[in-house]
Amino acid sequence: MPKVLISDKMSPLAEQVFKERGLDVDYKPGLDKDELAAIIAKYDGLAVRSSTKVTPKILDAAKNLKVIGRAGIGVDNIDVAAATNSGVVVMNTPFGNSITTAEHALAMLMALARQIPQANASTHEGKWEKSKFMGVELTGKTLGLIGCGNIGSIVAERALGLRMKVLAYDPYLSVERAADLGVTKVDLDELLSRADFITLHTPLTDQTRGLIGKQAFARMKDGVRIVNCARGGLVDEAALLEALDGGKVAGAALDVFAEEPATANPLFGHERVICTPHLGAATTEAQVNVARQVAEQMADFLLTGGVMNALNMPSLSAEEAPRLKPYMALADEIGSFAGQLTETGLKRVVVEYEGHVAGLNTKPLTAAILCGLLSPLMDSVNMVNAPVIAKERNIDLTEVSHDREGDYHTLIRLTVETEKRTRTVSGTLFSNQAPRLVEVNGVRLEAELAPHMLYVVNDDKPGFIGALGSLLGQNGVNIATFALGRREEGEEAVALVAVDDALRDIVLDQVAALAHVRQVKRLSF
């Protein structure tokens, strides 16, 4: 059975779920990088929170690793690009702590408006400074959301309930979705200039790092208040300190910092700054939810092939996986067939889905085709890294779906353009289970692929089939199946011959020497 390592502190429910699903699991939180590198090769799955750093060094040592599950949203501690190149699926749990994090942002918003932490500390010291802690109301104020995804949309809903006006900046937010939420979609400049409060709910990327810096503060109205419960690094902390001291920013509430754990920071001790130690997801409910979800997702992947909330692979639910299994096999065979015939650089790949298959989840099928296509040409290719490898090599990929049915109830057609030629391969399922090739380069045939096969392209001439059969027999090669097809009488013909054992080079040379032969290939599946 697959073996999983939990390397960060996590709810016991995660370990329980793994065991209930029949997986072998070790719970070892607190490993340092060297200890993790020393043992990671034993595991098929790695479950983490934010403490474990999954670096290229760890991935190089993880020879059997298939999936990394992050119990939470952010994957700053995981080198996703390196994991993808290593063929490792990276999953997170984007919904498990959404409400908890949104509620913390709202709590920070209220605490900031009424200076609650400062007033609390003052009162505990025996002071009674009512006039010092004059706050502001949220009702009627404009809240600017930077990011309006899972968490941002919950904040928007609650803020509207507080009678705030809500602006949202999010490049992925549609006008229709904004209308459904009751928010006004704006660009970043307009949000900065209009908002009384600004709260961030966006991931940390190269594009968003330092998003709120000197220039952004300059565009804000005087007395603005900032809340960041998303990711440290989104706000330039030095620029924020300058804006606080200069009076541009009336207050800031921060749950995240550029360097964590944050035991020292220039903002600490500032009278108008509220800080918490990355508590966004720190509720009992959230910890249980993300632990359960990450374990269920990883178990589904390792046991059934289901892929949910993956950052580097198309989603495939545990319910879909069994239904797609025969189509995945067909896709892999089509890709592998074309890949084994490819001898020059790939330029363009077109995948067409026709009939019943066009209504299914075709993203994993395309990944399977690319994996099959590229595997004969290079090492260490799988469904995770095949699309990335194709992109890195400037291979143009096009997917087309046709709802119509042609000659077959379901059909997948692969067209591969190389530096020298264009090749097509089509396949279908017999009885919705058994993969069959039904067309090669415009030549119709019906072939079941086998572990050892001979592919021959020849001129359609009398006596060729007999000559080929005799040659194989003379060499002690037993024929299992023999599939034939031709374009037109006397033109190009194709033979796909399944044999019991791998063909020797000398046999291939003899076949190539037969009259009318254009191409000979040894294939394996």
Protein backbone atom coordinates (compact mmCIF):
# COMPACT_ATOMS: atom_id res chain seq x y z
CA MET A 1 0.00 0.00 0.00
CA PRO A 2 1.11 3.61 -0.51
CA LYS A 3 3.10 5.14 2.35
CA VAL A 4 2.50 8.72 3.56
CA LEU A 5 4.54 11.01 5.81
CA ILE A 6 2.93 13.80 7.87
CA SER A 7 5.85 16.13 8.59
CA ASP A 8 4.06 19.05 10.30
CA LYS A 9 1.79 19.30 13.34
CA MET A 10 -1.70 18.49 12.16
CA SER A 11 -5.04 17.38 13.58
CA PRO A 12 -4.99 13.64 14.46
CA LEU A 13 -7.89 13.31 12.05
CA ALA A 14 -5.46 13.33 9.10
CA GLU A 15 -3.62 10.26 10.38
CA GLN A 16 -6.94 8.62 11.17
CA VAL A 17 -8.28 9.19 7.63
CA PHE A 18 -5.13 7.74 6.05
CA LYS A 19 -5.33 4.63 8.21
CA GLU A 20 -9.05 4.16 7.57
CA ARG A 21 -8.36 4.28 3.83
CA GLY A 22 -5.72 1.57 4.23
CA LEU A 23 -2.59 3.69 3.76
CA ASP A 24 0.60 3.25 5.76
CA VAL A 25 1.24 6.57 7.54
CA ASP A 26 4.03 8.02 9.70
CA TYR A 27 3.49 11.12 11.84
CA LYS A 28 6.84 12.88 12.31
CA PRO A 29 6.42 16.63 12.81
CA GLY A 30 9.44 18.82 13.41
CA LEU A 31 11.95 17.14 11.08
CA ASP A 32 14.76 19.40 9.94
CA LYS A 33 15.68 19.54 6.24
CA ASP A 34 18.46 16.96 6.51
CA GLU A 35 16.31 14.51 8.47
CA LEU A 36 13.51 14.89 5.93
CA ALA A 37 15.87 14.41 2.99
CA ALA A 38 17.24 11.25 4.58
CA ILE A 39 13.86 9.49 4.81
CA ILE A 40 11.63 11.01 2.12
CA ALA A 41 12.56 8.37 -0.50
CA LYS A 42 10.40 5.84 1.42
CA TYR A 43 7.18 7.77 0.87
CA ASP A 44 4.59 8.10 -1.89
CA GLY A 45 2.88 11.09 -0.25
CA LEU A 46 3.94 14.03 1.94
CA ALA A 47 1.39 15.98 4.01
CA VAL A 48 2.53 19.40 5.27
CA ARG A 49 1.32 22.65 6.70
CA SER A 50 3.61 25.71 6.56
CA SER A 51 6.67 24.61 8.52
CA THR A 52 8.11 21.98 6.19
CA LYS A 53 10.05 23.51 3.29
CA VAL A 54 9.78 21.34 0.18
CA THR A 55 12.86 22.42 -1.76
CA PRO A 56 14.52 21.02 -4.92
CA LYS A 57 16.95 19.17 -2.64
CA ILE A 58 14.06 17.41 -0.89
CA LEU A 59 12.43 16.61 -4.22
CA ASP A 60 15.67 15.20 -5.62
CA ALA A 61 15.77 12.80 -2.69
CA ALA A 62 12.07 11.90 -2.99
CA LYS A 63 12.48 9.15 -5.58
CA ASN A 64 9.04 7.62 -4.99
CA LEU A 65 7.07 10.75 -4.11
CA LYS A 66 3.87 11.18 -6.10
CA VAL A 67 1.89 13.82 -4.21
CA ILE A 68 2.39 16.68 -1.74
CA GLY A 69 -0.67 17.80 0.19
CA ARG A 70 -0.75 21.23 1.85
CA ALA A 71 -3.27 21.42 4.69
CA GLY A 72 -4.19 25.03 3.98
CA ILE A 73 -4.17 27.44 1.07
CA GLY A 74 -0.72 28.98 0.66
CA VAL A 75 2.08 26.93 -0.87
CA ASP A 76 4.92 29.42 -0.34
CA ASN A 77 6.85 26.65 1.43
CA ILE A 78 6.63 24.30 -1.57
CA ASP A 79 8.67 24.77 -4.74
CA VAL A 80 5.76 24.01 -7.06
CA ALA A 81 7.84 24.41 -10.24
CA ALA A 82 10.44 21.93 -9.00
CA ALA A 83 7.69 19.52 -7.91
CA THR A 84 6.10 19.75 -11.35
CA ASN A 85 9.41 19.06 -13.08
CA SER A 86 9.80 16.05 -10.79
CA GLY A 87 6.32 14.85 -11.72
CA VAL A 88 4.89 15.35 -8.24
CA VAL A 89 1.30 16.56 -7.82
CA VAL A 90 0.91 19.50 -5.42
CA MET A 91 -2.51 19.87 -3.75
CA ASN A 92 -3.89 22.37 -1.27
CA THR A 93 -7.18 22.76 0.60
CA PRO A 94 -8.51 26.13 -0.52
CA PHE A 95 -11.92 25.85 1.15
CA GLY A 96 -11.12 24.28 4.53
CA ASN A 97 -10.15 27.51 6.29
CA SER A 98 -11.84 30.14 4.12
CA ILE A 99 -14.46 31.13 6.68
CA THR A 100 -11.96 31.14 9.54
CA THR A 101 -9.52 33.39 7.67
CA ALA A 102 -12.29 35.71 6.49
CA GLU A 103 -13.60 36.04 10.05
CA HIS A 104 -10.13 36.89 11.31
CA ALA A 105 -9.82 39.64 8.69
CA LEU A 106 -13.16 41.05 9.81
CA ALA A 107 -12.12 40.86 13.47
CA MET A 108 -8.94 42.77 12.60
CA LEU A 109 -11.02 45.30 10.67
CA MET A 110 -13.21 45.98 13.71
CA ALA A 111 -10.28 46.00 16.12
CA LEU A 112 -8.53 48.52 13.87
CA ALA A 113 -11.58 50.77 13.62
CA ARG A 114 -12.07 50.88 17.39
CA GLN A 115 -8.44 50.42 18.59
CA ILE A 116 -9.57 47.53 20.78
CA PRO A 117 -6.15 45.96 21.54
CA GLN A 118 -4.66 49.34 22.54
CA ALA A 119 -7.68 50.21 24.68
CA ASN A 120 -7.57 46.78 26.30
CA ALA A 121 -3.89 47.14 27.23
CA SER A 122 -4.47 50.64 28.60
CA THR A 123 -7.41 49.56 30.73
CA HIS A 124 -5.48 46.60 32.15
CA GLU A 125 -2.85 49.09 33.27
CA GLY A 126 -5.50 50.90 35.36
CA LYS A 127 -5.89 53.83 33.01
CA TRP A 128 -9.22 55.22 31.85
CA GLU A 129 -8.38 56.92 28.54
CA LYS A 130 -11.75 57.24 26.84
CA SER A 131 -10.77 60.30 24.84
CA LYS A 132 -7.54 58.72 23.58
CA PHE A 133 -9.25 55.85 21.81
CA MET A 134 -11.67 57.65 19.55
CA GLY A 135 -12.61 55.19 16.82
CA VAL A 136 -14.53 55.28 13.54
CA GLU A 137 -17.68 53.50 12.38
CA LEU A 138 -17.64 50.89 9.62
CA THR A 139 -21.17 51.68 8.49
CA GLY A 140 -21.11 53.75 5.32
CA LYS A 141 -17.36 53.39 4.86
CA THR A 142 -15.81 52.05 1.64
CA LEU A 143 -13.95 48.76 1.89
CA GLY A 144 -11.46 47.92 -0.84
CA LEU A 145 -10.86 44.21 -1.41
CA ILE A 146 -7.66 43.28 -3.20
CA GLY A 147 -8.53 39.75 -4.24
CA CYS A 148 -12.10 38.47 -4.33
CA GLY A 149 -11.76 34.70 -4.41
CA ASN A 150 -12.88 32.22 -1.76
CA ILE A 151 -11.90 34.33 1.25
CA GLY A 152 -12.38 37.78 -0.27
CA SER A 153 -15.95 36.96 -1.33
CA ILE A 154 -16.82 35.89 2.24
CA VAL A 155 -15.36 39.15 3.59
CA ALA A 156 -17.40 41.04 1.00
CA GLU A 157 -20.62 39.33 2.04
CA ARG A 158 -20.04 40.07 5.75
CA ALA A 159 -18.96 43.65 5.06
CA LEU A 160 -22.11 44.31 3.08
CA GLY A 161 -24.03 43.06 6.11
CA LEU A 162 -22.25 45.78 8.10
CA ARG A 163 -23.60 48.32 5.58
CA MET A 164 -20.19 49.02 4.08
CA LYS A 165 -19.69 49.84 0.41
CA VAL A 166 -17.39 47.26 -1.18
CA LEU A 167 -14.97 47.76 -4.08
CA ALA A 168 -13.09 44.77 -5.47
CA TYR A 169 -9.92 44.55 -7.51
CA ASP A 170 -9.35 41.09 -8.94
CA PRO A 171 -8.30 40.39 -12.55
CA TYR A 172 -10.16 37.07 -12.41
CA LEU A 173 -13.43 38.49 -11.09
CA SER A 174 -16.09 38.61 -13.78
CA VAL A 175 -18.62 41.44 -13.95
CA GLU A 176 -21.40 38.89 -13.45
CA ARG A 177 -19.78 37.43 -10.34
CA ALA A 178 -19.22 40.93 -8.93
CA ALA A 179 -22.90 41.71 -9.45
CA ASP A 180 -23.91 38.47 -7.71
CA LEU A 181 -21.74 39.40 -4.72
CA GLY A 182 -23.04 42.95 -4.63
CA VAL A 183 -19.57 44.51 -5.03
CA THR A 184 -18.26 47.03 -7.53
CA LYS A 185 -15.40 45.78 -9.69
CA VAL A 186 -12.71 48.47 -10.16
CA ASP A 187 -9.09 48.71 -11.19
CA LEU A 188 -6.38 48.97 -8.55
CA ASP A 189 -5.85 52.73 -8.89
CA GLU A 190 -9.54 53.47 -8.32
CA LEU A 191 -9.66 51.14 -5.31
CA LEU A 192 -6.63 52.79 -3.71
CA SER A 193 -8.00 56.28 -4.20
CA ARG A 194 -11.52 55.57 -2.90
CA ALA A 195 -11.18 53.04 -0.07
CA ASP A 196 -11.36 53.96 3.62
CA PHE A 197 -10.26 50.45 4.56
CA ILE A 198 -8.19 48.09 2.41
CA THR A 199 -7.91 44.36 3.04
CA LEU A 200 -5.79 41.93 1.05
CA HIS A 201 -6.84 38.44 -0.05
CA THR A 202 -4.45 37.46 -2.82
CA PRO A 203 -1.60 34.95 -3.07
CA LEU A 204 2.04 35.99 -2.97
CA THR A 205 3.53 35.76 -6.46
CA ASP A 206 6.23 37.58 -8.38
CA GLN A 207 3.48 39.90 -9.63
CA THR A 208 1.95 40.65 -6.22
CA ARG A 209 5.10 40.89 -4.10
CA GLY A 210 5.33 44.44 -2.71
CA LEU A 211 1.97 45.30 -4.30
CA ILE A 212 1.26 47.79 -1.52
CA GLY A 213 4.37 49.94 -1.52
CA LYS A 214 5.36 53.61 -1.71
CA GLN A 215 3.55 54.29 -4.96
CA ALA A 216 0.38 52.56 -3.75
CA PHE A 217 0.38 54.49 -0.46
CA ALA A 218 0.78 57.76 -2.38
CA ARG A 219 -2.44 57.05 -4.30
CA MET A 220 -4.48 56.30 -1.14
CA LYS A 221 -6.65 58.84 0.65
CA ASP A 222 -5.36 60.26 3.94
CA GLY A 223 -6.38 58.25 7.01
CA VAL A 224 -6.75 54.92 5.22
CA ARG A 225 -6.54 51.73 7.27
CA ILE A 226 -4.86 48.53 6.04
CA VAL A 227 -5.59 44.89 6.94
CA ASN A 228 -3.41 42.02 5.71
CA CYS A 229 -4.35 38.47 6.67
CA ALA A 230 -3.22 36.99 3.34
CA ARG A 231 0.52 36.76 2.84
CA GLY A 232 3.54 38.57 4.19
CA GLY A 233 5.36 40.32 1.38
CA LEU A 234 2.24 41.76 -0.24
CA VAL A 235 2.80 44.91 1.83
CA ASP A 236 6.18 46.66 1.79
CA GLU A 237 6.70 46.90 5.56
CA ALA A 238 9.25 49.75 5.37
CA ALA A 239 6.89 51.77 3.17
CA LEU A 240 4.01 51.05 5.56
CA LEU A 241 6.02 52.30 8.54
CA GLU A 242 6.82 55.49 6.65
CA ALA A 243 3.15 55.96 5.73
CA LEU A 244 2.09 55.42 9.34
CA ASP A 245 4.62 57.89 10.69
CA GLY A 246 3.71 60.43 8.01
CA GLY A 247 0.00 60.24 8.79
CA LYS A 248 -1.09 58.84 5.42
CA VAL A 249 -2.15 55.57 7.07
CA ALA A 250 -4.26 55.84 10.23
CA GLY A 251 -3.67 52.25 11.27
CA ALA A 252 -2.71 48.77 10.13
CA ALA A 253 -3.68 45.28 11.28
CA LEU A 254 -1.29 42.53 10.23
CA ASP A 255 -1.54 38.79 10.68
CA VAL A 256 1.31 37.98 8.29
CA PHE A 257 4.84 39.27 7.79
CA ALA A 258 7.61 39.15 5.21
CA GLU A 259 9.74 37.02 7.54
CA GLU A 260 8.07 34.42 9.73
CA PRO A 261 8.21 33.50 12.54
CA ALA A 262 8.32 37.25 13.13
CA THR A 263 10.11 37.69 16.44
CA ALA A 264 11.37 41.16 15.51
CA ASN A 265 9.91 43.69 13.09
CA PRO A 266 10.14 47.51 12.78
CA LEU A 267 6.34 47.66 12.99
CA PHE A 268 6.21 45.94 16.37
CA GLY A 269 5.44 48.38 19.16
CA HIS A 270 3.92 51.02 16.87
CA GLU A 271 0.91 52.50 18.64
CA ARG A 272 -1.30 52.28 15.54
CA VAL A 273 -0.38 48.76 14.46
CA ILE A 274 -2.20 45.59 15.54
CA CYS A 275 -0.30 42.33 15.09
CA THR A 276 -1.23 38.68 15.43
CA PRO A 277 1.02 35.63 14.82
CA HIS A 278 -0.48 34.27 11.58
CA LEU A 279 -3.76 33.25 13.19
CA GLY A 280 -5.90 33.43 10.04
CA ALA A 281 -6.56 29.70 9.95
CA ALA A 282 -6.13 29.11 13.69
CA THR A 283 -9.49 27.80 14.79
CA THR A 284 -10.40 24.31 15.89
CA GLU A 285 -12.86 23.96 13.03
CA ALA A 286 -10.35 25.04 10.37
CA GLN A 287 -7.59 22.75 11.63
CA VAL A 288 -9.92 19.77 11.57
CA ASN A 289 -11.31 20.69 8.15
CA VAL A 290 -7.96 21.10 6.38
CA ALA A 291 -6.49 17.98 8.00
CA ARG A 292 -9.44 15.87 6.91
CA GLN A 293 -9.54 17.36 3.41
CA VAL A 294 -5.83 16.99 2.68
CA ALA A 295 -5.87 13.36 3.85
CA GLU A 296 -8.95 12.54 1.78
CA GLN A 297 -7.53 14.23 -1.32
CA MET A 298 -4.16 12.49 -1.02
CA ALA A 299 -5.78 9.10 -0.36
CA ASP A 300 -8.06 9.51 -3.38
CA PHE A 301 -5.06 10.27 -5.57
CA LEU A 302 -2.87 7.44 -4.32
CA LEU A 303 -5.65 4.83 -4.34
CA THR A 304 -7.92 5.79 -7.26
CA GLY A 305 -6.11 8.47 -9.26
CA GLY A 306 -8.57 11.19 -8.23
CA VAL A 307 -7.06 14.67 -8.35
CA MET A 308 -8.70 17.53 -6.44
CA ASN A 309 -7.42 21.05 -5.77
CA ALA A 310 -4.13 20.36 -7.53
CA LEU A 311 -2.01 23.35 -8.50
CA ASN A 312 -0.09 21.61 -11.29
CA MET A 313 -2.46 19.03 -12.76
CA PRO A 314 -6.07 19.00 -14.07
CA SER A 315 -8.68 18.04 -11.48
CA LEU A 316 -10.14 14.55 -11.66
CA SER A 317 -12.61 13.58 -8.95
CA ALA A 318 -12.51 10.19 -7.28
CA GLU A 319 -15.90 9.50 -8.87
CA GLU A 320 -14.65 10.46 -12.34
CA ALA A 321 -11.43 8.44 -12.16
CA PRO A 322 -13.02 4.97 -12.60
CA ARG A 323 -15.21 6.21 -15.46
CA LEU A 324 -12.28 7.82 -17.21
CA LYS A 325 -9.92 4.87 -16.69
CA PRO A 326 -10.53 3.20 -20.10
CA TYR A 327 -10.31 6.59 -21.82
CA MET A 328 -7.04 7.29 -20.02
CA ALA A 329 -5.68 3.97 -21.28
CA LEU A 330 -6.79 4.85 -24.82
CA ALA A 331 -5.25 8.32 -24.58
CA ASP A 332 -1.95 6.91 -23.34
CA GLU A 333 -1.85 4.32 -26.15
CA ILE A 334 -2.60 6.90 -28.84
CA GLY A 335 0.09 9.21 -27.50
CA SER A 336 2.63 6.40 -27.11
CA PHE A 337 1.94 5.10 -30.62
CA ALA A 338 2.58 8.53 -32.15
CA GLY A 339 5.59 9.14 -29.90
CA GLN A 340 7.29 5.91 -30.92
CA LEU A 341 6.90 6.83 -34.59
CA THR A 342 8.27 10.35 -34.08
CA GLU A 343 11.87 10.81 -35.17
CA THR A 344 12.24 14.59 -35.48
CA GLY A 345 11.39 17.60 -33.32
CA LEU A 346 7.75 18.16 -32.36
CA LYS A 347 6.19 21.44 -33.44
CA ARG A 348 2.45 21.14 -32.98
CA VAL A 349 -0.03 18.80 -31.31
CA VAL A 350 -3.80 18.82 -31.92
CA VAL A 351 -6.10 16.64 -29.82
CA GLU A 352 -9.69 16.20 -30.97
CA TYR A 353 -12.48 14.64 -28.93
CA GLU A 354 -15.56 13.47 -30.78
CA GLY A 355 -18.84 11.97 -29.61
CA HIS A 356 -19.32 10.73 -26.04
CA VAL A 357 -15.78 11.54 -24.88
CA ALA A 358 -16.27 15.22 -25.77
CA GLY A 359 -18.70 15.53 -22.86
CA LEU A 360 -16.22 14.17 -20.30
CA ASN A 361 -13.42 15.87 -18.37
CA THR A 362 -10.86 15.92 -21.18
CA LYS A 363 -8.03 17.82 -19.43
CA PRO A 364 -6.59 14.67 -17.80
CA LEU A 365 -6.95 12.85 -21.13
CA THR A 366 -4.86 15.48 -22.88
CA ALA A 367 -2.23 15.22 -20.15
CA ALA A 368 -2.21 11.41 -20.65
CA ILE A 369 -1.78 11.85 -24.42
CA LEU A 370 1.13 14.24 -23.93
CA CYS A 371 2.70 11.85 -21.44
CA GLY A 372 2.43 8.97 -23.89
CA LEU A 373 3.71 11.12 -26.75
CA LEU A 374 6.76 12.48 -24.92
CA SER A 375 7.77 9.37 -22.94
CA PRO A 376 9.44 7.59 -25.89
CA LEU A 377 11.43 10.77 -26.59
CA MET A 378 12.70 11.62 -23.08
CA ASP A 379 13.01 10.23 -19.55
CA SER A 380 10.95 10.90 -16.42
CA VAL A 381 7.79 12.14 -18.12
CA ASN A 382 4.41 11.74 -16.43
CA MET A 383 0.99 13.38 -16.50
CA VAL A 384 2.11 16.13 -14.12
CA ASN A 385 5.13 17.43 -15.99
CA ALA A 386 4.22 16.49 -19.59
CA PRO A 387 2.21 19.72 -20.26
CA VAL A 388 5.05 21.81 -18.76
CA ILE A 389 7.68 20.00 -20.82
CA ALA A 390 5.63 20.58 -23.98
CA LYS A 391 5.32 24.27 -23.18
CA GLU A 392 9.02 24.63 -22.38
CA ARG A 393 9.84 23.12 -25.78
CA ASN A 394 7.48 25.48 -27.60
CA ILE A 395 5.21 22.65 -28.73
CA ASP A 396 1.93 24.27 -29.70
CA LEU A 397 -1.03 22.42 -28.15
CA THR A 398 -4.63 22.70 -29.37
CA GLU A 399 -7.67 20.90 -27.97
CA VAL A 400 -10.92 20.62 -29.94
CA SER A 401 -14.17 18.98 -28.82
CA HIS A 402 -16.96 17.94 -31.18
CA ASP A 403 -20.27 16.88 -29.66
CA ARG A 404 -21.30 15.21 -32.91
CA GLU A 405 -20.85 11.49 -33.44
CA GLY A 406 -19.06 10.29 -36.55
CA ASP A 407 -18.44 6.68 -37.48
CA TYR A 408 -17.83 5.87 -33.82
CA HIS A 409 -19.75 6.52 -30.63
CA THR A 410 -16.58 8.00 -29.16
CA LEU A 411 -13.30 8.97 -30.83
CA ILE A 412 -9.98 10.57 -29.89
CA ARG A 413 -7.83 11.84 -32.74
CA LEU A 414 -4.22 12.99 -32.29
CA THR A 415 -2.45 15.03 -34.95
CA VAL A 416 1.29 15.48 -34.51
CA GLU A 417 3.27 17.91 -36.63
CA THR A 418 7.04 17.47 -36.62
CA GLU A 419 9.85 19.20 -38.48
CA LYS A 420 9.38 16.83 -41.41
CA ARG A 421 5.80 15.57 -41.51
CA THR A 422 2.31 15.47 -40.02
CA ARG A 423 0.93 12.23 -38.59
CA THR A 424 -2.58 11.37 -37.33
CA VAL A 425 -3.68 8.56 -35.03
CA SER A 426 -7.28 7.88 -33.99
CA GLY A 427 -8.72 5.50 -31.44
CA THR A 428 -11.99 4.45 -29.86
CA LEU A 429 -13.33 2.14 -27.15
CA PHE A 430 -15.06 -1.12 -27.98
CA SER A 431 -17.87 -1.88 -25.51
CA ASN A 432 -16.81 1.32 -23.70
CA GLN A 433 -13.83 -0.55 -22.23
CA ALA A 434 -11.35 -1.91 -24.79
CA PRO A 435 -9.03 0.59 -26.55
CA ARG A 436 -8.62 0.18 -30.32
CA LEU A 437 -6.70 2.11 -32.94
CA VAL A 438 -8.99 2.77 -35.90
CA GLU A 439 -6.94 5.09 -38.12
CA VAL A 440 -3.29 5.84 -38.81
CA ASN A 441 -2.37 8.63 -41.24
CA GLY A 442 -5.72 8.40 -42.95
CA VAL A 443 -5.55 4.61 -43.29
CA ARG A 444 -8.48 2.84 -41.64
CA LEU A 445 -7.78 -0.30 -39.66
CA GLU A 446 -8.73 -1.95 -36.40
CA ALA A 447 -5.91 -2.81 -34.04
CA GLU A 448 -5.65 -3.84 -30.40
CA LEU A 449 -2.25 -2.77 -29.11
CA ALA A 450 -0.05 -5.38 -27.43
CA PRO A 451 3.25 -5.38 -25.51
CA HIS A 452 5.25 -6.30 -28.65
CA MET A 453 4.26 -5.02 -32.09
CA LEU A 454 5.60 -4.54 -35.59
CA TYR A 455 4.53 -1.48 -37.58
CA VAL A 456 5.00 -1.59 -41.35
CA VAL A 457 4.12 0.97 -44.02
CA ASN A 458 4.26 -0.46 -47.54
CA ASP A 459 2.95 -0.12 -51.08
CA ASP A 460 -0.25 -2.11 -51.53
CA LYS A 461 1.02 -4.85 -53.84
CA PRO A 462 -0.04 -8.52 -54.29
CA GLY A 463 1.98 -11.02 -52.29
CA PHE A 464 3.30 -8.62 -49.67
CA ILE A 465 1.28 -10.01 -46.77
CA GLY A 466 2.36 -13.54 -47.59
CA ALA A 467 6.00 -12.50 -47.83
CA LEU A 468 5.83 -10.72 -44.45
CA GLY A 469 4.14 -13.69 -42.77
CA SER A 470 6.65 -16.14 -44.21
CA LEU A 471 9.60 -14.02 -43.10
CA LEU A 472 8.31 -13.82 -39.55
CA GLY A 473 7.64 -17.54 -39.48
CA GLN A 474 11.13 -18.34 -40.73
CA ASN A 475 12.53 -16.32 -37.81
CA GLY A 476 10.39 -18.12 -35.25
CA VAL A 477 8.17 -15.09 -34.64
CA ASN A 478 4.64 -16.07 -33.62
CA ILE A 479 1.88 -13.69 -34.77
CA ALA A 480 -0.85 -12.93 -32.23
CA THR A 481 -2.96 -10.48 -34.29
CA PHE A 482 -2.59 -8.92 -37.72
CA ALA A 483 -4.33 -5.60 -38.54
CA LEU A 484 -4.29 -4.22 -42.10
CA GLY A 485 -5.51 -1.12 -43.89
CA ARG A 486 -4.86 0.90 -47.04
CA ARG A 487 -5.77 4.27 -48.49
CA GLU A 488 -6.74 3.11 -51.97
CA GLU A 489 -5.96 0.08 -54.08
CA GLY A 490 -2.27 0.06 -54.94
CA GLU A 491 -1.43 3.00 -52.67
CA GLU A 492 -0.01 3.24 -49.12
CA ALA A 493 -0.92 0.42 -46.75
CA VAL A 494 -0.32 -0.10 -43.03
CA ALA A 495 0.19 -3.35 -41.11
CA LEU A 496 0.14 -3.57 -37.32
CA VAL A 497 1.27 -6.99 -36.19
CA ALA A 498 1.17 -8.14 -32.56
CA VAL A 499 3.80 -10.77 -31.78
CA ASP A 500 4.57 -12.86 -28.72
CA ASP A 501 8.13 -11.66 -28.09
CA ALA A 502 10.24 -8.56 -28.69
CA LEU A 503 11.53 -8.43 -32.27
CA ARG A 504 15.26 -8.74 -32.84
CA ASP A 505 17.11 -6.12 -34.89
CA ILE A 506 17.99 -8.68 -37.55
CA VAL A 507 14.29 -9.39 -38.13
CA LEU A 508 13.55 -5.68 -38.51
CA ASP A 509 16.34 -5.38 -41.05
CA GLN A 510 14.93 -8.28 -43.05
CA VAL A 511 11.43 -6.78 -43.03
CA ALA A 512 12.84 -3.42 -44.16
CA ALA A 513 14.55 -5.20 -47.05
CA LEU A 514 11.29 -6.68 -48.39
CA ALA A 515 10.03 -5.25 -51.67
CA HIS A 516 7.57 -2.33 -51.37
CA VAL A 517 8.37 -1.53 -47.69
CA ARG A 518 8.51 2.20 -46.85
CA GLN A 519 8.89 2.16 -43.06
CA VAL A 520 9.41 -0.41 -40.31
CA LYS A 521 9.17 0.21 -36.56
CA ARG A 522 9.30 -1.97 -33.47
CA LEU A 523 6.66 -0.79 -30.97
CA SER A 524 5.99 -1.70 -27.34
CA PHE A 525 3.03 -0.93 -25.09
